[in-house]
């Protein structure tokens, strides 16, 4: 893994840092970087896995962003986890980190007006080292091929719908399924750990779907997942050819086949719910707050 610039990386244990592996993320990166910067992320560590679009050029223009290039196998790196942990060992020891994909927005109780460092300070006070989140697929009320997204625009305004059904509980206590179960018959894990304190004995796995050695509170968040823009069918086709995802890209084969069979595929249905904000997600039971944290939010607001 090669660093693409010689900018010094300060040792600052108070910085909130974001780590991400990306390939051909030019469509989503402008807004994603803006979103997390607005939430309080101060430094970005991005592993580019052989992009062929403008990903690197976009990252070069982003302040406090360190770019690392690799052409190694994403699958053999445990879906990029080994690359992220390598960087965290060197640049995020004993401090909080956001770990996301380029199509994920982490939200939490009060996220609209409460920065992430307020949340991490609360988690510290509770002895927690990670926040468990529920992965929530977001989509539009139009066919996927008509869900046109413009770089830099708010993800939620393009895909403001979600649903809460079609889930089953795994033996390990994690949910799986959701809209991808309903539409594609895919049993994907709906657990994420995008906010983690990198401490000894803690280890992420499965692309942040799983984590070992972490301590949690009753508070949980939601990871809004924006896979279903106009590029969905082509992206799925490419990933099937690359075979770099879990189990020979079996889920991407389902996506690509369904999109091929129905070019006007839409995810919208009678169960679709329009996204309103953090209070709605708490009321629906998709994430949980705590009274002590609510007091902090009330003061911050």
C-alpha atoms as a PDB file:
ATOM      1  CA  UNK A   1       0.000   0.000   0.000  1.00  0.00           C
ATOM      2  CA  UNK A   2       1.559   3.259  -1.154  1.00  0.00           C
ATOM      3  CA  UNK A   3       0.830   6.742   0.203  1.00  0.00           C
ATOM      4  CA  UNK A   4       0.280   9.144  -2.705  1.00  0.00           C
ATOM      5  CA  UNK A   5       1.551  12.278  -0.963  1.00  0.00           C
ATOM      6  CA  UNK A   6       4.161  13.261   1.598  1.00  0.00           C
ATOM      7  CA  UNK A   7       1.929  15.426   3.779  1.00  0.00           C
ATOM      8  CA  UNK A   8       2.843  14.872   7.452  1.00  0.00           C
ATOM      9  CA  UNK A   9       0.217  13.116   9.560  1.00  0.00           C
ATOM     10  CA  UNK A  10       0.007  14.749  12.993  1.00  0.00           C
ATOM     11  CA  UNK A  11      -0.271  12.712  16.161  1.00  0.00           C
ATOM     12  CA  UNK A  12      -3.402  14.181  17.686  1.00  0.00           C
ATOM     13  CA  UNK A  13      -5.418  11.853  19.966  1.00  0.00           C
ATOM     14  CA  UNK A  14      -8.300  14.339  20.000  1.00  0.00           C
ATOM     15  CA  UNK A  15      -8.932  14.191  16.260  1.00  0.00           C
ATOM     16  CA  UNK A  16     -11.896  12.255  14.942  1.00  0.00           C
ATOM     17  CA  UNK A  17     -10.613  10.343  11.927  1.00  0.00           C
ATOM     18  CA  UNK A  18     -12.382   8.560   9.089  1.00  0.00           C
ATOM     19  CA  UNK A  19     -11.083   5.433   7.339  1.00  0.00           C
ATOM     20  CA  UNK A  20     -12.480   4.126   4.080  1.00  0.00           C
ATOM     21  CA  UNK A  21     -11.674   1.782   1.205  1.00  0.00           C
ATOM     22  CA  UNK A  22     -12.998   2.991  -2.130  1.00  0.00           C
ATOM     23  CA  UNK A  23     -12.998   1.961  -5.750  1.00  0.00           C
ATOM     24  CA  UNK A  24     -14.532   4.199  -8.413  1.00  0.00           C
ATOM     25  CA  UNK A  25     -16.318   6.355  -5.861  1.00  0.00           C
ATOM     26  CA  UNK A  26     -16.351   9.626  -7.805  1.00  0.00           C
ATOM     27  CA  UNK A  27     -20.155   9.774  -7.942  1.00  0.00           C
ATOM     28  CA  UNK A  28     -20.647   9.682  -4.162  1.00  0.00           C
ATOM     29  CA  UNK A  29     -17.397  11.030  -2.675  1.00  0.00           C
ATOM     30  CA  UNK A  30     -18.054  14.799  -2.909  1.00  0.00           C
ATOM     31  CA  UNK A  31     -21.152  14.649  -0.722  1.00  0.00           C
ATOM     32  CA  UNK A  32     -19.828  11.892   1.537  1.00  0.00           C
ATOM     33  CA  UNK A  33     -16.731  13.932   2.427  1.00  0.00           C
ATOM     34  CA  UNK A  34     -18.856  17.038   2.997  1.00  0.00           C
ATOM     35  CA  UNK A  35     -21.299  15.141   5.204  1.00  0.00           C
ATOM     36  CA  UNK A  36     -18.694  13.693   7.549  1.00  0.00           C
ATOM     37  CA  UNK A  37     -16.732  16.923   7.699  1.00  0.00           C
ATOM     38  CA  UNK A  38     -19.933  18.694   8.750  1.00  0.00           C
ATOM     39  CA  UNK A  39     -20.434  16.070  11.481  1.00  0.00           C
ATOM     40  CA  UNK A  40     -16.967  16.760  12.904  1.00  0.00           C
ATOM     41  CA  UNK A  41     -14.531  14.412  11.147  1.00  0.00           C
ATOM     42  CA  UNK A  42     -11.192  16.215  11.032  1.00  0.00           C
ATOM     43  CA  UNK A  43      -8.957  13.889   8.993  1.00  0.00           C
ATOM     44  CA  UNK A  44      -9.579  11.296   6.284  1.00  0.00           C
ATOM     45  CA  UNK A  45      -7.575   8.157   5.455  1.00  0.00           C
ATOM     46  CA  UNK A  46      -8.682   6.707   2.142  1.00  0.00           C
ATOM     47  CA  UNK A  47      -7.446   3.488   0.543  1.00  0.00           C
ATOM     48  CA  UNK A  48      -8.010   3.599  -3.213  1.00  0.00           C
ATOM     49  CA  UNK A  49      -8.306   0.085  -4.620  1.00  0.00           C
ATOM     50  CA  UNK A  50      -7.340   0.622  -8.252  1.00  0.00           C
ATOM     51  CA  UNK A  51      -9.963   3.207  -9.270  1.00  0.00           C
ATOM     52  CA  UNK A  52     -10.335   4.034 -12.957  1.00  0.00           C
ATOM     53  CA  UNK A  53     -12.532   7.138 -12.543  1.00  0.00           C
ATOM     54  CA  UNK A  54     -11.839  10.551 -10.937  1.00  0.00           C
ATOM     55  CA  UNK A  55     -11.723   9.205  -7.370  1.00  0.00           C
ATOM     56  CA  UNK A  56      -8.080  10.120  -6.711  1.00  0.00           C
ATOM     57  CA  UNK A  57      -8.452  13.583  -8.268  1.00  0.00           C
ATOM     58  CA  UNK A  58     -11.431  14.317  -5.999  1.00  0.00           C
ATOM     59  CA  UNK A  59      -9.539  13.121  -2.930  1.00  0.00           C
ATOM     60  CA  UNK A  60      -6.497  15.239  -3.776  1.00  0.00           C
ATOM     61  CA  UNK A  61      -8.683  18.350  -3.531  1.00  0.00           C
ATOM     62  CA  UNK A  62     -10.042  17.370  -0.116  1.00  0.00           C
ATOM     63  CA  UNK A  63      -8.396  19.012   2.909  1.00  0.00           C
ATOM     64  CA  UNK A  64      -6.693  16.835   5.545  1.00  0.00           C
ATOM     65  CA  UNK A  65      -7.084  13.767   3.337  1.00  0.00           C
ATOM     66  CA  UNK A  66      -4.389  11.095   3.038  1.00  0.00           C
ATOM     67  CA  UNK A  67      -4.627   8.775   0.035  1.00  0.00           C
ATOM     68  CA  UNK A  68      -3.186   5.274  -0.031  1.00  0.00           C
ATOM     69  CA  UNK A  69      -3.090   3.283  -3.256  1.00  0.00           C
ATOM     70  CA  UNK A  70      -3.217  -0.492  -3.662  1.00  0.00           C
ATOM     71  CA  UNK A  71      -3.943  -2.926  -6.477  1.00  0.00           C
ATOM     72  CA  UNK A  72      -4.062  -5.928  -4.137  1.00  0.00           C
ATOM     73  CA  UNK A  73      -7.109  -8.165  -3.811  1.00  0.00           C
ATOM     74  CA  UNK A  74     -10.000  -6.638  -1.873  1.00  0.00           C
ATOM     75  CA  UNK A  75     -11.290 -10.104  -1.026  1.00  0.00           C
ATOM     76  CA  UNK A  76      -7.938 -11.350   0.266  1.00  0.00           C
ATOM     77  CA  UNK A  77      -7.720  -8.239   2.450  1.00  0.00           C
ATOM     78  CA  UNK A  78     -10.946  -9.398   4.160  1.00  0.00           C
ATOM     79  CA  UNK A  79     -13.046  -6.905   2.207  1.00  0.00           C
ATOM     80  CA  UNK A  80     -10.524  -4.164   2.932  1.00  0.00           C
ATOM     81  CA  UNK A  81     -10.521  -4.681   6.699  1.00  0.00           C
ATOM     82  CA  UNK A  82      -6.825  -5.557   6.816  1.00  0.00           C
ATOM     83  CA  UNK A  83      -5.923  -2.320   5.026  1.00  0.00           C
ATOM     84  CA  UNK A  84      -8.047  -0.243   7.410  1.00  0.00           C
ATOM     85  CA  UNK A  85      -6.643  -1.921  10.514  1.00  0.00           C
ATOM     86  CA  UNK A  86      -3.086  -1.418   9.227  1.00  0.00           C
ATOM     87  CA  UNK A  87      -3.709   2.326   8.972  1.00  0.00           C
ATOM     88  CA  UNK A  88      -5.582   2.529  12.268  1.00  0.00           C
ATOM     89  CA  UNK A  89      -2.743   0.776  14.091  1.00  0.00           C
ATOM     90  CA  UNK A  90      -0.446   3.570  12.940  1.00  0.00           C
ATOM     91  CA  UNK A  91      -2.693   6.601  12.958  1.00  0.00           C
ATOM     92  CA  UNK A  92      -5.630   5.984  15.316  1.00  0.00           C
ATOM     93  CA  UNK A  93      -4.455   4.082  18.358  1.00  0.00           C
ATOM     94  CA  UNK A  94      -6.772   4.587  21.357  1.00  0.00           C
ATOM     95  CA  UNK A  95      -8.946   7.132  19.596  1.00  0.00           C
ATOM     96  CA  UNK A  96     -12.298   7.180  17.850  1.00  0.00           C
ATOM     97  CA  UNK A  97     -12.661   6.453  14.159  1.00  0.00           C
ATOM     98  CA  UNK A  98     -15.451   6.449  11.617  1.00  0.00           C
ATOM     99  CA  UNK A  99     -15.175   3.463   9.251  1.00  0.00           C
ATOM    100  CA  UNK A 100     -17.578   3.572   6.308  1.00  0.00           C
ATOM    101  CA  UNK A 101     -18.059   2.685   2.661  1.00  0.00           C
ATOM    102  CA  UNK A 102     -18.578   5.452   0.126  1.00  0.00           C
ATOM    103  CA  UNK A 103     -22.338   4.817   0.069  1.00  0.00           C
ATOM    104  CA  UNK A 104     -22.921   4.951   3.849  1.00  0.00           C
ATOM    105  CA  UNK A 105     -24.068   7.821   6.085  1.00  0.00           C
ATOM    106  CA  UNK A 106     -23.946   7.132   9.822  1.00  0.00           C
ATOM    107  CA  UNK A 107     -26.796   8.787  11.719  1.00  0.00           C
ATOM    108  CA  UNK A 108     -27.556   8.664  15.443  1.00  0.00           C
ATOM    109  CA  UNK A 109     -29.990  10.256  17.924  1.00  0.00           C
ATOM    110  CA  UNK A 110     -29.872  14.010  17.424  1.00  0.00           C
ATOM    111  CA  UNK A 111     -27.424  13.822  14.514  1.00  0.00           C
ATOM    112  CA  UNK A 112     -29.061  16.822  12.848  1.00  0.00           C
ATOM    113  CA  UNK A 113     -27.572  19.203  15.441  1.00  0.00           C
ATOM    114  CA  UNK A 114     -25.217  17.122  17.619  1.00  0.00           C
ATOM    115  CA  UNK A 115     -21.654  16.589  16.290  1.00  0.00           C
ATOM    116  CA  UNK A 116     -19.952  13.223  16.445  1.00  0.00           C
ATOM    117  CA  UNK A 117     -17.441  14.341  19.072  1.00  0.00           C
ATOM    118  CA  UNK A 118     -20.345  14.961  21.472  1.00  0.00           C
ATOM    119  CA  UNK A 119     -21.489  11.408  20.850  1.00  0.00           C
ATOM    120  CA  UNK A 120     -18.010   9.925  21.316  1.00  0.00           C
ATOM    121  CA  UNK A 121     -17.540  11.895  24.539  1.00  0.00           C
ATOM    122  CA  UNK A 122     -20.782  10.395  25.842  1.00  0.00           C
ATOM    123  CA  UNK A 123     -19.732   6.905  24.792  1.00  0.00           C
ATOM    124  CA  UNK A 124     -16.416   7.434  26.597  1.00  0.00           C
ATOM    125  CA  UNK A 125     -18.295   8.422  29.751  1.00  0.00           C
ATOM    126  CA  UNK A 126     -20.218   5.149  29.528  1.00  0.00           C
ATOM    127  CA  UNK A 127     -17.112   3.023  28.980  1.00  0.00           C
ATOM    128  CA  UNK A 128     -18.160   2.085  25.434  1.00  0.00           C
ATOM    129  CA  UNK A 129     -15.701   1.471  22.590  1.00  0.00           C
ATOM    130  CA  UNK A 130     -18.125   1.092  19.670  1.00  0.00           C
ATOM    131  CA  UNK A 131     -21.598   2.046  18.471  1.00  0.00           C
ATOM    132  CA  UNK A 132     -23.796  -0.669  17.028  1.00  0.00           C
ATOM    133  CA  UNK A 133     -25.830   0.491  14.015  1.00  0.00           C
ATOM    134  CA  UNK A 134     -28.680  -0.896  11.955  1.00  0.00           C
ATOM    135  CA  UNK A 135     -28.036  -0.935   8.192  1.00  0.00           C
ATOM    136  CA  UNK A 136     -30.980   0.693   6.435  1.00  0.00           C
ATOM    137  CA  UNK A 137     -31.218   0.587   2.636  1.00  0.00           C
ATOM    138  CA  UNK A 138     -32.481   3.846   1.130  1.00  0.00           C
ATOM    139  CA  UNK A 139     -34.199   4.137  -2.251  1.00  0.00           C
ATOM    140  CA  UNK A 140     -36.378   6.424  -4.367  1.00  0.00           C
ATOM    141  CA  UNK A 141     -39.980   6.181  -5.585  1.00  0.00           C
ATOM    142  CA  UNK A 142     -38.731   5.820  -9.171  1.00  0.00           C
ATOM    143  CA  UNK A 143     -37.171   2.948 -11.138  1.00  0.00           C
ATOM    144  CA  UNK A 144     -33.463   2.525 -10.374  1.00  0.00           C
ATOM    145  CA  UNK A 145     -32.489   3.557 -13.882  1.00  0.00           C
ATOM    146  CA  UNK A 146     -34.375   6.837 -13.367  1.00  0.00           C
ATOM    147  CA  UNK A 147     -32.931   7.543  -9.922  1.00  0.00           C
ATOM    148  CA  UNK A 148     -30.436  10.052 -11.268  1.00  0.00           C
ATOM    149  CA  UNK A 149     -27.970  11.331  -8.701  1.00  0.00           C
ATOM    150  CA  UNK A 150     -25.769  14.405  -9.201  1.00  0.00           C
ATOM    151  CA  UNK A 151     -22.373  14.447  -7.407  1.00  0.00           C
ATOM    152  CA  UNK A 152     -22.379  16.740  -4.386  1.00  0.00           C
ATOM    153  CA  UNK A 153     -26.122  16.567  -3.766  1.00  0.00           C
ATOM    154  CA  UNK A 154     -27.665  15.265  -0.548  1.00  0.00           C
ATOM    155  CA  UNK A 155     -28.043  11.480  -0.781  1.00  0.00           C
ATOM    156  CA  UNK A 156     -31.279  11.564   1.203  1.00  0.00           C
ATOM    157  CA  UNK A 157     -32.993  13.957  -1.215  1.00  0.00           C
ATOM    158  CA  UNK A 158     -32.394  11.505  -4.056  1.00  0.00           C
ATOM    159  CA  UNK A 159     -33.324   8.366  -2.093  1.00  0.00           C
ATOM    160  CA  UNK A 160     -35.630   9.357   0.796  1.00  0.00           C
ATOM    161  CA  UNK A 161     -37.497   6.056   1.292  1.00  0.00           C
ATOM    162  CA  UNK A 162     -36.877   2.945   3.377  1.00  0.00           C
ATOM    163  CA  UNK A 163     -38.812   0.040   4.917  1.00  0.00           C
ATOM    164  CA  UNK A 164     -38.705  -1.896   8.173  1.00  0.00           C
ATOM    165  CA  UNK A 165     -40.019  -5.335   7.197  1.00  0.00           C
ATOM    166  CA  UNK A 166     -38.682  -8.506   5.553  1.00  0.00           C
ATOM    167  CA  UNK A 167     -36.105  -9.030   8.290  1.00  0.00           C
ATOM    168  CA  UNK A 168     -35.176 -12.226  10.113  1.00  0.00           C
ATOM    169  CA  UNK A 169     -33.088 -12.697  13.251  1.00  0.00           C
ATOM    170  CA  UNK A 170     -29.885 -14.708  12.895  1.00  0.00           C
ATOM    171  CA  UNK A 171     -28.695 -17.161  15.527  1.00  0.00           C
ATOM    172  CA  UNK A 172     -26.004 -14.665  16.574  1.00  0.00           C
ATOM    173  CA  UNK A 173     -28.642 -12.019  17.368  1.00  0.00           C
ATOM    174  CA  UNK A 174     -28.076  -9.891  14.268  1.00  0.00           C
ATOM    175  CA  UNK A 175     -30.811  -8.991  11.794  1.00  0.00           C
ATOM    176  CA  UNK A 176     -30.521  -9.834   8.105  1.00  0.00           C
ATOM    177  CA  UNK A 177     -32.641  -9.219   5.013  1.00  0.00           C
ATOM    178  CA  UNK A 178     -34.691  -6.065   4.550  1.00  0.00           C
ATOM    179  CA  UNK A 179     -35.463  -4.688   1.099  1.00  0.00           C
ATOM    180  CA  UNK A 180     -32.709  -6.815  -0.447  1.00  0.00           C
ATOM    181  CA  UNK A 181     -34.487  -9.906   0.867  1.00  0.00           C
ATOM    182  CA  UNK A 182     -37.802  -8.742  -0.591  1.00  0.00           C
ATOM    183  CA  UNK A 183     -36.474  -7.753  -4.018  1.00  0.00           C
ATOM    184  CA  UNK A 184     -33.369  -9.867  -4.580  1.00  0.00           C
ATOM    185  CA  UNK A 185     -33.767 -12.758  -2.135  1.00  0.00           C
ATOM    186  CA  UNK A 186     -30.474 -11.715  -0.501  1.00  0.00           C
ATOM    187  CA  UNK A 187     -29.888 -12.392   3.217  1.00  0.00           C
ATOM    188  CA  UNK A 188     -27.358  -9.634   3.923  1.00  0.00           C
ATOM    189  CA  UNK A 189     -26.404  -8.772   7.524  1.00  0.00           C
ATOM    190  CA  UNK A 190     -28.061  -5.579   8.793  1.00  0.00           C
ATOM    191  CA  UNK A 191     -25.525  -4.882  11.554  1.00  0.00           C
ATOM    192  CA  UNK A 192     -22.747  -2.286  11.182  1.00  0.00           C
ATOM    193  CA  UNK A 193     -20.052  -0.845  13.434  1.00  0.00           C
ATOM    194  CA  UNK A 194     -19.066   2.409  11.768  1.00  0.00           C
ATOM    195  CA  UNK A 195     -17.986   4.257  14.918  1.00  0.00           C
ATOM    196  CA  UNK A 196     -15.211   2.475  16.784  1.00  0.00           C
ATOM    197  CA  UNK A 197     -12.531   3.325  19.326  1.00  0.00           C
ATOM    198  CA  UNK A 198      -9.402   1.518  18.193  1.00  0.00           C
ATOM    199  CA  UNK A 199      -8.248  -0.112  21.409  1.00  0.00           C
ATOM    200  CA  UNK A 200      -6.239  -3.238  22.152  1.00  0.00           C
ATOM    201  CA  UNK A 201      -8.327  -6.389  21.793  1.00  0.00           C
ATOM    202  CA  UNK A 202     -10.909  -4.861  19.467  1.00  0.00           C
ATOM    203  CA  UNK A 203     -11.103  -6.068  15.879  1.00  0.00           C
ATOM    204  CA  UNK A 204     -13.552  -5.340  13.069  1.00  0.00           C
ATOM    205  CA  UNK A 205     -14.566  -7.978  10.550  1.00  0.00           C
ATOM    206  CA  UNK A 206     -16.855  -8.668   7.621  1.00  0.00           C
ATOM    207  CA  UNK A 207     -16.571  -5.120   6.270  1.00  0.00           C
ATOM    208  CA  UNK A 208     -17.588  -3.678   9.714  1.00  0.00           C
ATOM    209  CA  UNK A 209     -20.658  -5.953   9.899  1.00  0.00           C
ATOM    210  CA  UNK A 210     -18.999  -7.729  12.832  1.00  0.00           C
ATOM    211  CA  UNK A 211     -16.681  -6.689  15.662  1.00  0.00           C
ATOM    212  CA  UNK A 212     -14.797  -8.484  18.405  1.00  0.00           C
ATOM    213  CA  UNK A 213     -13.734  -7.218  21.822  1.00  0.00           C
ATOM    214  CA  UNK A 214     -15.876  -4.063  21.817  1.00  0.00           C
ATOM    215  CA  UNK A 215     -17.965  -2.633  24.664  1.00  0.00           C
ATOM    216  CA  UNK A 216     -21.417  -1.193  23.935  1.00  0.00           C
ATOM    217  CA  UNK A 217     -24.129   0.831  25.632  1.00  0.00           C
ATOM    218  CA  UNK A 218     -27.870   0.612  25.004  1.00  0.00           C
ATOM    219  CA  UNK A 219     -27.512   3.430  22.467  1.00  0.00           C
ATOM    220  CA  UNK A 220     -27.530   2.464  18.807  1.00  0.00           C
ATOM    221  CA  UNK A 221     -27.377   4.274  15.488  1.00  0.00           C
ATOM    222  CA  UNK A 222     -28.445   3.690  11.899  1.00  0.00           C
ATOM    223  CA  UNK A 223     -26.276   3.427   8.811  1.00  0.00           C
ATOM    224  CA  UNK A 224     -28.176   4.825   5.835  1.00  0.00           C
ATOM    225  CA  UNK A 225     -27.106   2.852   2.770  1.00  0.00           C
ATOM    226  CA  UNK A 226     -27.258   4.480  -0.670  1.00  0.00           C
ATOM    227  CA  UNK A 227     -26.591   1.713  -3.185  1.00  0.00           C
ATOM    228  CA  UNK A 228     -29.617   2.358  -5.390  1.00  0.00           C
ATOM    229  CA  UNK A 229     -28.729   5.294  -7.634  1.00  0.00           C
ATOM    230  CA  UNK A 230     -28.802   5.160 -11.438  1.00  0.00           C
ATOM    231  CA  UNK A 231     -25.404   3.397 -11.485  1.00  0.00           C
ATOM    232  CA  UNK A 232     -26.709   0.305  -9.647  1.00  0.00           C
ATOM    233  CA  UNK A 233     -27.057  -2.141 -12.542  1.00  0.00           C
ATOM    234  CA  UNK A 234     -23.698  -1.321 -14.098  1.00  0.00           C
ATOM    235  CA  UNK A 235     -21.920  -1.393 -10.740  1.00  0.00           C
ATOM    236  CA  UNK A 236     -23.406  -4.814  -9.955  1.00  0.00           C
ATOM    237  CA  UNK A 237     -22.343  -6.150 -13.350  1.00  0.00           C
ATOM    238  CA  UNK A 238     -18.763  -4.961 -12.818  1.00  0.00           C
ATOM    239  CA  UNK A 239     -18.540  -6.512  -9.353  1.00  0.00           C
ATOM    240  CA  UNK A 240     -19.772  -9.846 -10.703  1.00  0.00           C
ATOM    241  CA  UNK A 241     -16.898  -9.788 -13.200  1.00  0.00           C
ATOM    242  CA  UNK A 242     -14.326  -8.781 -10.567  1.00  0.00           C
ATOM    243  CA  UNK A 243     -15.365 -11.505  -8.084  1.00  0.00           C
ATOM    244  CA  UNK A 244     -13.801  -9.528  -5.224  1.00  0.00           C
ATOM    245  CA  UNK A 245     -16.757  -9.603  -2.838  1.00  0.00           C
ATOM    246  CA  UNK A 246     -17.833 -12.238  -0.324  1.00  0.00           C
ATOM    247  CA  UNK A 247     -18.551 -15.767  -1.571  1.00  0.00           C
ATOM    248  CA  UNK A 248     -17.640 -15.176  -5.217  1.00  0.00           C
ATOM    249  CA  UNK A 249     -19.833 -12.018  -5.312  1.00  0.00           C
ATOM    250  CA  UNK A 250     -22.960 -14.161  -4.935  1.00  0.00           C
ATOM    251  CA  UNK A 251     -25.146 -11.258  -3.828  1.00  0.00           C
ATOM    252  CA  UNK A 252     -23.974  -9.102  -6.739  1.00  0.00           C
ATOM    253  CA  UNK A 253     -24.958 -11.917  -9.096  1.00  0.00           C
ATOM    254  CA  UNK A 254     -28.485 -11.659  -7.704  1.00  0.00           C
ATOM    255  CA  UNK A 255     -28.478  -7.872  -8.138  1.00  0.00           C
ATOM    256  CA  UNK A 256     -27.166  -8.017 -11.691  1.00  0.00           C
ATOM    257  CA  UNK A 257     -29.568 -10.762 -12.787  1.00  0.00           C
ATOM    258  CA  UNK A 258     -32.614  -9.008 -11.332  1.00  0.00           C
ATOM    259  CA  UNK A 259     -31.632  -5.700 -12.955  1.00  0.00           C
ATOM    260  CA  UNK A 260     -31.113  -7.469 -16.279  1.00  0.00           C
ATOM    261  CA  UNK A 261     -34.461  -9.260 -16.060  1.00  0.00           C
ATOM    262  CA  UNK A 262     -36.299  -6.043 -15.182  1.00  0.00           C
ATOM    263  CA  UNK A 263     -34.596  -2.909 -16.616  1.00  0.00           C
ATOM    264  CA  UNK A 264     -37.313  -0.728 -15.027  1.00  0.00           C
ATOM    265  CA  UNK A 265     -36.936  -2.290 -11.574  1.00  0.00           C
ATOM    266  CA  UNK A 266     -38.206  -0.137  -8.694  1.00  0.00           C
ATOM    267  CA  UNK A 267     -37.811  -0.873  -4.973  1.00  0.00           C
ATOM    268  CA  UNK A 268     -40.715   1.374  -3.961  1.00  0.00           C
ATOM    269  CA  UNK A 269     -43.771  -0.410  -2.530  1.00  0.00           C
ATOM    270  CA  UNK A 270     -46.759   0.030  -0.202  1.00  0.00           C
ATOM    271  CA  UNK A 271     -44.457  -0.506   2.798  1.00  0.00           C
ATOM    272  CA  UNK A 272     -42.081   2.310   1.859  1.00  0.00           C
ATOM    273  CA  UNK A 273     -41.649   5.063   4.469  1.00  0.00           C
ATOM    274  CA  UNK A 274     -40.442   8.597   3.768  1.00  0.00           C
ATOM    275  CA  UNK A 275     -37.392   9.501   5.841  1.00  0.00           C
ATOM    276  CA  UNK A 276     -38.010  12.338   8.327  1.00  0.00           C
ATOM    277  CA  UNK A 277     -35.051  12.291  10.744  1.00  0.00           C
ATOM    278  CA  UNK A 278     -33.558  10.829  13.881  1.00  0.00           C
ATOM    279  CA  UNK A 279     -36.697  11.046  16.035  1.00  0.00           C
ATOM    280  CA  UNK A 280     -38.587   8.989  13.460  1.00  0.00           C
ATOM    281  CA  UNK A 281     -35.913   6.258  13.530  1.00  0.00           C
ATOM    282  CA  UNK A 282     -36.063   6.122  17.333  1.00  0.00           C
ATOM    283  CA  UNK A 283     -39.864   5.967  17.302  1.00  0.00           C
ATOM    284  CA  UNK A 284     -39.739   3.100  14.784  1.00  0.00           C
ATOM    285  CA  UNK A 285     -37.317   1.192  17.004  1.00  0.00           C
ATOM    286  CA  UNK A 286     -34.537   1.228  14.407  1.00  0.00           C
ATOM    287  CA  UNK A 287     -32.193   2.999  16.804  1.00  0.00           C
ATOM    288  CA  UNK A 288     -32.131   3.746  20.540  1.00  0.00           C
ATOM    289  CA  UNK A 289     -31.112   6.683  22.670  1.00  0.00           C
ATOM    290  CA  UNK A 290     -30.482   6.992  26.429  1.00  0.00           C
ATOM    291  CA  UNK A 291     -31.917   9.540  28.899  1.00  0.00           C
ATOM    292  CA  UNK A 292     -28.482  10.901  29.816  1.00  0.00           C
ATOM    293  CA  UNK A 293     -27.641  11.406  26.151  1.00  0.00           C
ATOM    294  CA  UNK A 294     -31.052  13.012  25.489  1.00  0.00           C
ATOM    295  CA  UNK A 295     -30.189  15.594  28.189  1.00  0.00           C
ATOM    296  CA  UNK A 296     -26.966  16.383  26.329  1.00  0.00           C
ATOM    297  CA  UNK A 297     -28.848  16.687  23.034  1.00  0.00           C
ATOM    298  CA  UNK A 298     -31.353  19.070  24.621  1.00  0.00           C
ATOM    299  CA  UNK A 299     -28.529  21.318  25.764  1.00  0.00           C
ATOM    300  CA  UNK A 300     -26.767  21.133  22.405  1.00  0.00           C
ATOM    301  CA  UNK A 301     -29.936  21.953  20.552  1.00  0.00           C
END
